[in-house]
Amino acid sequence: MSTPESTILVVEDDDIVRMLIVDVLEELDFKVLEADDGEPALSILRDESKSIDLMMTDVGLRDMDGQALAAEARKLRPTLPILFASGYAENIDAPADMHVIGKPFSIDQLRDKVKGILTE
């Protein structure tokens, strides 16, 4: 069994969608941390003992939108790569240093997107 190469924080308020994303990423040998909303994600990000290589967040969360979460995350971890996941990807005005993947996405699309971001 190989060691996970990177740790990804998945932020998704839909339990089923989050579970599926986590399962796929773990199958791809990533270590995954998960949060169901912005505040729990920020608690994880504040824990400096946790190494996080990428944050993947839904855009439409309950307590804050994904873009607000990304802005707060970057205050805590300025170089953290951010991947927005949205069913309305064409409407996302992501900064140039952040990434977007449209829902629904295939396992291959998710794998390729995540690996591409992590090797930049």
N, C-alpha and C. Protein backbone atom coordinates (compact mmCIF):
# COMPACT_ATOMS: atom_id res chain seq x y z
N MET A 1 0.85 -1.20 0.00
CA MET A 1 0.00 0.00 0.00
C MET A 1 0.88 1.24 0.00
N SER A 2 0.59 2.16 -0.89
CA SER A 2 1.43 3.35 -0.99
C SER A 2 0.99 4.40 0.02
N THR A 3 1.93 5.28 0.35
CA THR A 3 1.65 6.38 1.26
C THR A 3 0.95 7.49 0.50
N PRO A 4 -0.07 8.09 1.10
CA PRO A 4 -0.73 9.21 0.41
C PRO A 4 0.28 10.30 0.06
N GLU A 5 0.15 10.81 -1.16
CA GLU A 5 1.12 11.80 -1.61
C GLU A 5 0.80 13.20 -1.14
N SER A 6 -0.46 13.52 -0.96
CA SER A 6 -0.86 14.87 -0.58
C SER A 6 -2.12 14.81 0.25
N THR A 7 -2.34 15.89 1.02
CA THR A 7 -3.55 15.99 1.84
C THR A 7 -4.47 17.04 1.23
N ILE A 8 -5.73 16.67 1.06
CA ILE A 8 -6.73 17.55 0.48
C ILE A 8 -7.84 17.77 1.50
N LEU A 9 -8.17 19.04 1.71
CA LEU A 9 -9.31 19.40 2.54
C LEU A 9 -10.52 19.57 1.62
N VAL A 10 -11.54 18.73 1.83
CA VAL A 10 -12.76 18.79 1.03
C VAL A 10 -13.84 19.48 1.86
N VAL A 11 -14.41 20.55 1.30
CA VAL A 11 -15.46 21.30 1.98
C VAL A 11 -16.71 21.23 1.12
N GLU A 12 -17.71 20.52 1.61
CA GLU A 12 -18.95 20.29 0.85
C GLU A 12 -20.07 20.08 1.85
N ASP A 13 -21.16 20.85 1.71
CA ASP A 13 -22.25 20.74 2.68
C ASP A 13 -23.27 19.65 2.35
N ASP A 14 -23.20 19.07 1.17
CA ASP A 14 -24.07 17.94 0.83
C ASP A 14 -23.33 16.67 1.25
N ASP A 15 -23.86 15.98 2.25
CA ASP A 15 -23.17 14.82 2.82
C ASP A 15 -22.85 13.74 1.78
N ILE A 16 -23.80 13.45 0.90
CA ILE A 16 -23.59 12.40 -0.09
C ILE A 16 -22.50 12.79 -1.08
N VAL A 17 -22.56 14.03 -1.56
CA VAL A 17 -21.54 14.51 -2.51
C VAL A 17 -20.17 14.49 -1.85
N ARG A 18 -20.10 14.99 -0.60
CA ARG A 18 -18.82 15.01 0.12
C ARG A 18 -18.28 13.59 0.28
N MET A 19 -19.14 12.65 0.67
CA MET A 19 -18.72 11.26 0.85
C MET A 19 -18.16 10.68 -0.45
N LEU A 20 -18.82 10.97 -1.56
CA LEU A 20 -18.36 10.46 -2.85
C LEU A 20 -16.99 11.04 -3.22
N ILE A 21 -16.83 12.35 -3.05
CA ILE A 21 -15.56 13.00 -3.37
C ILE A 21 -14.44 12.44 -2.48
N VAL A 22 -14.72 12.31 -1.20
CA VAL A 22 -13.73 11.77 -0.26
C VAL A 22 -13.34 10.35 -0.67
N ASP A 23 -14.33 9.52 -0.96
CA ASP A 23 -14.05 8.13 -1.37
C ASP A 23 -13.16 8.09 -2.62
N VAL A 24 -13.50 8.91 -3.61
CA VAL A 24 -12.72 8.92 -4.84
C VAL A 24 -11.28 9.36 -4.57
N LEU A 25 -11.11 10.43 -3.81
CA LEU A 25 -9.77 10.94 -3.53
C LEU A 25 -8.95 9.93 -2.72
N GLU A 26 -9.59 9.26 -1.77
CA GLU A 26 -8.88 8.24 -1.00
C GLU A 26 -8.49 7.06 -1.89
N GLU A 27 -9.37 6.68 -2.82
CA GLU A 27 -9.04 5.62 -3.77
C GLU A 27 -7.84 6.00 -4.64
N LEU A 28 -7.69 7.30 -4.88
CA LEU A 28 -6.56 7.80 -5.67
C LEU A 28 -5.30 8.00 -4.81
N ASP A 29 -5.37 7.56 -3.56
CA ASP A 29 -4.24 7.59 -2.61
C ASP A 29 -3.95 8.95 -2.00
N PHE A 30 -4.93 9.83 -1.96
CA PHE A 30 -4.76 11.09 -1.26
C PHE A 30 -5.24 10.92 0.17
N LYS A 31 -4.63 11.65 1.08
CA LYS A 31 -5.15 11.75 2.44
C LYS A 31 -6.20 12.85 2.40
N VAL A 32 -7.35 12.64 3.03
CA VAL A 32 -8.44 13.61 2.92
C VAL A 32 -8.92 14.04 4.30
N LEU A 33 -9.04 15.34 4.46
CA LEU A 33 -9.72 15.93 5.62
C LEU A 33 -11.03 16.47 5.08
N GLU A 34 -12.07 16.47 5.90
CA GLU A 34 -13.35 16.95 5.38
C GLU A 34 -14.06 17.86 6.36
N ALA A 35 -14.83 18.78 5.78
CA ALA A 35 -15.64 19.72 6.55
C ALA A 35 -16.96 19.91 5.81
N ASP A 36 -18.03 20.12 6.57
CA ASP A 36 -19.34 20.26 5.95
C ASP A 36 -19.77 21.71 5.77
N ASP A 37 -18.88 22.64 6.12
CA ASP A 37 -19.20 24.06 5.95
C ASP A 37 -17.94 24.89 6.17
N GLY A 38 -18.08 26.19 6.00
CA GLY A 38 -16.93 27.08 6.07
C GLY A 38 -16.25 27.16 7.42
N GLU A 39 -17.03 27.31 8.48
CA GLU A 39 -16.43 27.45 9.81
C GLU A 39 -15.65 26.20 10.23
N PRO A 40 -16.21 24.99 10.05
CA PRO A 40 -15.41 23.81 10.37
C PRO A 40 -14.13 23.71 9.52
N ALA A 41 -14.21 24.15 8.28
CA ALA A 41 -13.02 24.16 7.42
C ALA A 41 -11.97 25.12 7.96
N LEU A 42 -12.40 26.29 8.39
CA LEU A 42 -11.45 27.26 8.94
C LEU A 42 -10.81 26.74 10.22
N SER A 43 -11.57 25.99 11.03
CA SER A 43 -10.98 25.38 12.24
C SER A 43 -9.85 24.43 11.86
N ILE A 44 -10.07 23.63 10.82
CA ILE A 44 -9.03 22.71 10.36
C ILE A 44 -7.83 23.51 9.84
N LEU A 45 -8.08 24.55 9.08
CA LEU A 45 -7.00 25.35 8.52
C LEU A 45 -6.20 26.08 9.60
N ARG A 46 -6.84 26.43 10.71
CA ARG A 46 -6.14 27.11 11.80
C ARG A 46 -5.19 26.18 12.54
N ASP A 47 -5.41 24.88 12.43
CA ASP A 47 -4.57 23.89 13.11
C ASP A 47 -3.27 23.72 12.33
N GLU A 48 -2.23 24.38 12.80
CA GLU A 48 -0.96 24.40 12.08
C GLU A 48 -0.28 23.03 12.06
N SER A 49 -0.74 22.10 12.88
CA SER A 49 -0.15 20.76 12.86
C SER A 49 -0.63 19.95 11.66
N LYS A 50 -1.68 20.42 11.00
CA LYS A 50 -2.23 19.72 9.85
C LYS A 50 -1.60 20.26 8.56
N SER A 51 -1.00 19.36 7.82
CA SER A 51 -0.45 19.72 6.52
C SER A 51 -1.58 19.59 5.49
N ILE A 52 -1.83 20.65 4.74
CA ILE A 52 -2.88 20.64 3.73
C ILE A 52 -2.26 21.15 2.43
N ASP A 53 -2.39 20.34 1.38
CA ASP A 53 -1.78 20.68 0.10
C ASP A 53 -2.75 21.30 -0.89
N LEU A 54 -4.07 21.13 -0.63
CA LEU A 54 -5.10 21.66 -1.53
C LEU A 54 -6.42 21.72 -0.77
N MET A 55 -7.17 22.79 -0.98
CA MET A 55 -8.53 22.85 -0.46
C MET A 55 -9.48 22.83 -1.65
N MET A 56 -10.39 21.86 -1.63
CA MET A 56 -11.44 21.76 -2.64
C MET A 56 -12.73 22.14 -1.95
N THR A 57 -13.40 23.18 -2.44
CA THR A 57 -14.62 23.65 -1.79
C THR A 57 -15.75 23.85 -2.77
N ASP A 58 -16.94 23.50 -2.30
CA ASP A 58 -18.15 23.84 -3.03
C ASP A 58 -18.29 25.36 -2.98
N VAL A 59 -18.90 25.93 -3.96
CA VAL A 59 -19.09 27.38 -3.96
C VAL A 59 -20.27 27.76 -3.06
N GLY A 60 -21.34 26.98 -3.10
CA GLY A 60 -22.54 27.30 -2.32
C GLY A 60 -22.60 26.55 -1.01
N LEU A 61 -21.99 27.12 0.03
CA LEU A 61 -22.05 26.52 1.36
C LEU A 61 -23.14 27.20 2.18
N ARG A 62 -23.46 26.64 3.34
CA ARG A 62 -24.53 27.22 4.17
C ARG A 62 -24.12 28.51 4.87
N ASP A 63 -22.97 28.50 5.57
CA ASP A 63 -22.66 29.66 6.41
C ASP A 63 -21.80 30.72 5.72
N MET A 64 -21.16 30.37 4.63
CA MET A 64 -20.40 31.35 3.84
C MET A 64 -20.19 30.73 2.47
N ASP A 65 -20.08 31.58 1.47
CA ASP A 65 -19.86 30.97 0.15
C ASP A 65 -18.40 30.56 0.01
N GLY A 66 -18.14 29.70 -0.96
CA GLY A 66 -16.81 29.17 -1.15
C GLY A 66 -15.76 30.22 -1.42
N GLN A 67 -16.15 31.30 -2.09
CA GLN A 67 -15.18 32.35 -2.39
C GLN A 67 -14.79 33.10 -1.12
N ALA A 68 -15.74 33.32 -0.21
CA ALA A 68 -15.41 33.95 1.07
C ALA A 68 -14.52 33.02 1.89
N LEU A 69 -14.83 31.72 1.85
CA LEU A 69 -13.99 30.74 2.55
C LEU A 69 -12.57 30.75 1.98
N ALA A 70 -12.46 30.79 0.66
CA ALA A 70 -11.13 30.82 0.02
C ALA A 70 -10.34 32.05 0.46
N ALA A 71 -11.00 33.18 0.54
CA ALA A 71 -10.32 34.41 0.97
C ALA A 71 -9.81 34.27 2.41
N GLU A 72 -10.63 33.70 3.29
CA GLU A 72 -10.21 33.48 4.68
C GLU A 72 -9.10 32.44 4.76
N ALA A 73 -9.23 31.39 3.94
CA ALA A 73 -8.21 30.34 3.93
C ALA A 73 -6.86 30.91 3.52
N ARG A 74 -6.86 31.79 2.54
CA ARG A 74 -5.60 32.39 2.06
C ARG A 74 -4.98 33.31 3.11
N LYS A 75 -5.79 33.89 3.99
CA LYS A 75 -5.23 34.68 5.10
C LYS A 75 -4.46 33.78 6.05
N LEU A 76 -4.98 32.56 6.25
CA LEU A 76 -4.34 31.61 7.16
C LEU A 76 -3.18 30.89 6.50
N ARG A 77 -3.34 30.57 5.22
CA ARG A 77 -2.32 29.81 4.47
C ARG A 77 -2.20 30.44 3.08
N PRO A 78 -1.37 31.46 2.97
CA PRO A 78 -1.31 32.28 1.75
C PRO A 78 -1.00 31.53 0.45
N THR A 79 -0.31 30.41 0.53
CA THR A 79 0.05 29.70 -0.71
C THR A 79 -0.83 28.49 -0.98
N LEU A 80 -1.88 28.30 -0.20
CA LEU A 80 -2.75 27.13 -0.35
C LEU A 80 -3.48 27.15 -1.68
N PRO A 81 -3.29 26.10 -2.50
CA PRO A 81 -4.07 26.01 -3.73
C PRO A 81 -5.55 25.79 -3.41
N ILE A 82 -6.41 26.42 -4.19
CA ILE A 82 -7.86 26.34 -3.99
C ILE A 82 -8.50 25.80 -5.27
N LEU A 83 -9.41 24.83 -5.10
CA LEU A 83 -10.19 24.30 -6.21
C LEU A 83 -11.66 24.45 -5.87
N PHE A 84 -12.36 25.27 -6.65
CA PHE A 84 -13.81 25.44 -6.48
C PHE A 84 -14.52 24.36 -7.28
N ALA A 85 -15.56 23.77 -6.69
CA ALA A 85 -16.42 22.82 -7.39
C ALA A 85 -17.81 23.43 -7.43
N SER A 86 -18.39 23.48 -8.63
CA SER A 86 -19.70 24.12 -8.76
C SER A 86 -20.46 23.59 -9.95
N GLY A 87 -21.76 23.49 -9.78
CA GLY A 87 -22.62 23.15 -10.90
C GLY A 87 -22.79 24.33 -11.84
N TYR A 88 -22.31 25.49 -11.42
CA TYR A 88 -22.40 26.71 -12.22
C TYR A 88 -21.00 27.25 -12.48
N ALA A 89 -20.10 26.36 -12.88
CA ALA A 89 -18.68 26.72 -13.03
C ALA A 89 -18.46 27.91 -13.94
N GLU A 90 -19.30 28.03 -14.98
CA GLU A 90 -19.12 29.14 -15.92
C GLU A 90 -19.42 30.49 -15.28
N ASN A 91 -20.10 30.49 -14.14
CA ASN A 91 -20.43 31.73 -13.46
C ASN A 91 -19.45 32.09 -12.34
N ILE A 92 -18.44 31.26 -12.14
CA ILE A 92 -17.48 31.50 -11.06
C ILE A 92 -16.41 32.46 -11.55
N ASP A 93 -16.26 33.54 -10.82
CA ASP A 93 -15.22 34.52 -11.13
C ASP A 93 -14.05 34.26 -10.18
N ALA A 94 -13.31 33.19 -10.45
CA ALA A 94 -12.21 32.80 -9.59
C ALA A 94 -10.96 33.60 -9.92
N PRO A 95 -10.23 34.02 -8.90
CA PRO A 95 -8.94 34.67 -9.16
C PRO A 95 -8.04 33.78 -10.00
N ALA A 96 -7.11 34.36 -10.68
CA ALA A 96 -6.24 33.61 -11.60
C ALA A 96 -5.46 32.50 -10.91
N ASP A 97 -5.19 32.65 -9.60
CA ASP A 97 -4.40 31.63 -8.90
C ASP A 97 -5.28 30.58 -8.22
N MET A 98 -6.57 30.55 -8.57
CA MET A 98 -7.48 29.54 -8.05
C MET A 98 -8.09 28.79 -9.24
N HIS A 99 -8.62 27.60 -8.97
CA HIS A 99 -9.07 26.71 -10.02
C HIS A 99 -10.54 26.38 -9.86
N VAL A 100 -11.17 25.92 -10.95
CA VAL A 100 -12.59 25.58 -10.94
C VAL A 100 -12.79 24.25 -11.65
N ILE A 101 -13.66 23.41 -11.09
CA ILE A 101 -14.10 22.19 -11.76
C ILE A 101 -15.63 22.19 -11.72
N GLY A 102 -16.24 21.91 -12.85
CA GLY A 102 -17.69 21.92 -12.94
C GLY A 102 -18.30 20.61 -12.48
N LYS A 103 -19.40 20.72 -11.74
CA LYS A 103 -20.16 19.53 -11.34
C LYS A 103 -21.23 19.30 -12.38
N PRO A 104 -21.55 18.09 -12.71
CA PRO A 104 -20.90 16.88 -12.23
C PRO A 104 -19.57 16.67 -12.97
N PHE A 105 -18.65 16.00 -12.31
CA PHE A 105 -17.36 15.69 -12.93
C PHE A 105 -17.11 14.20 -12.79
N SER A 106 -16.31 13.68 -13.70
CA SER A 106 -15.97 12.26 -13.66
C SER A 106 -14.79 12.04 -12.72
N ILE A 107 -14.57 10.80 -12.37
CA ILE A 107 -13.41 10.46 -11.54
C ILE A 107 -12.13 10.87 -12.26
N ASP A 108 -12.06 10.61 -13.56
CA ASP A 108 -10.86 10.99 -14.32
C ASP A 108 -10.65 12.50 -14.34
N GLN A 109 -11.75 13.26 -14.50
CA GLN A 109 -11.62 14.72 -14.50
C GLN A 109 -11.12 15.21 -13.15
N LEU A 110 -11.66 14.65 -12.06
CA LEU A 110 -11.23 15.06 -10.73
C LEU A 110 -9.76 14.70 -10.52
N ARG A 111 -9.38 13.49 -10.85
CA ARG A 111 -7.99 13.05 -10.70
C ARG A 111 -7.05 13.97 -11.47
N ASP A 112 -7.37 14.21 -12.74
CA ASP A 112 -6.50 15.02 -13.58
C ASP A 112 -6.40 16.45 -13.07
N LYS A 113 -7.52 17.01 -12.63
CA LYS A 113 -7.53 18.40 -12.13
C LYS A 113 -6.68 18.51 -10.87
N VAL A 114 -6.92 17.60 -9.92
CA VAL A 114 -6.19 17.65 -8.64
C VAL A 114 -4.69 17.43 -8.87
N LYS A 115 -4.35 16.42 -9.64
CA LYS A 115 -2.92 16.16 -9.88
C LYS A 115 -2.27 17.32 -10.63
N GLY A 116 -3.02 17.93 -11.56
CA GLY A 116 -2.48 19.08 -12.27
C GLY A 116 -2.19 20.25 -11.34
N ILE A 117 -3.10 20.52 -10.43
CA ILE A 117 -2.91 21.62 -9.48
C ILE A 117 -1.72 21.33 -8.57
N LEU A 118 -1.63 20.10 -8.09
CA LEU A 118 -0.58 19.75 -7.13
C LEU A 118 0.82 19.70 -7.74
N THR A 119 0.89 19.59 -9.07
CA THR A 119 2.21 19.55 -9.70
C THR A 119 2.61 20.91 -10.30
N GLU A 120 1.80 21.94 -10.10
CA GLU A 120 2.13 23.28 -10.62
C GLU A 120 3.35 23.84 -9.92
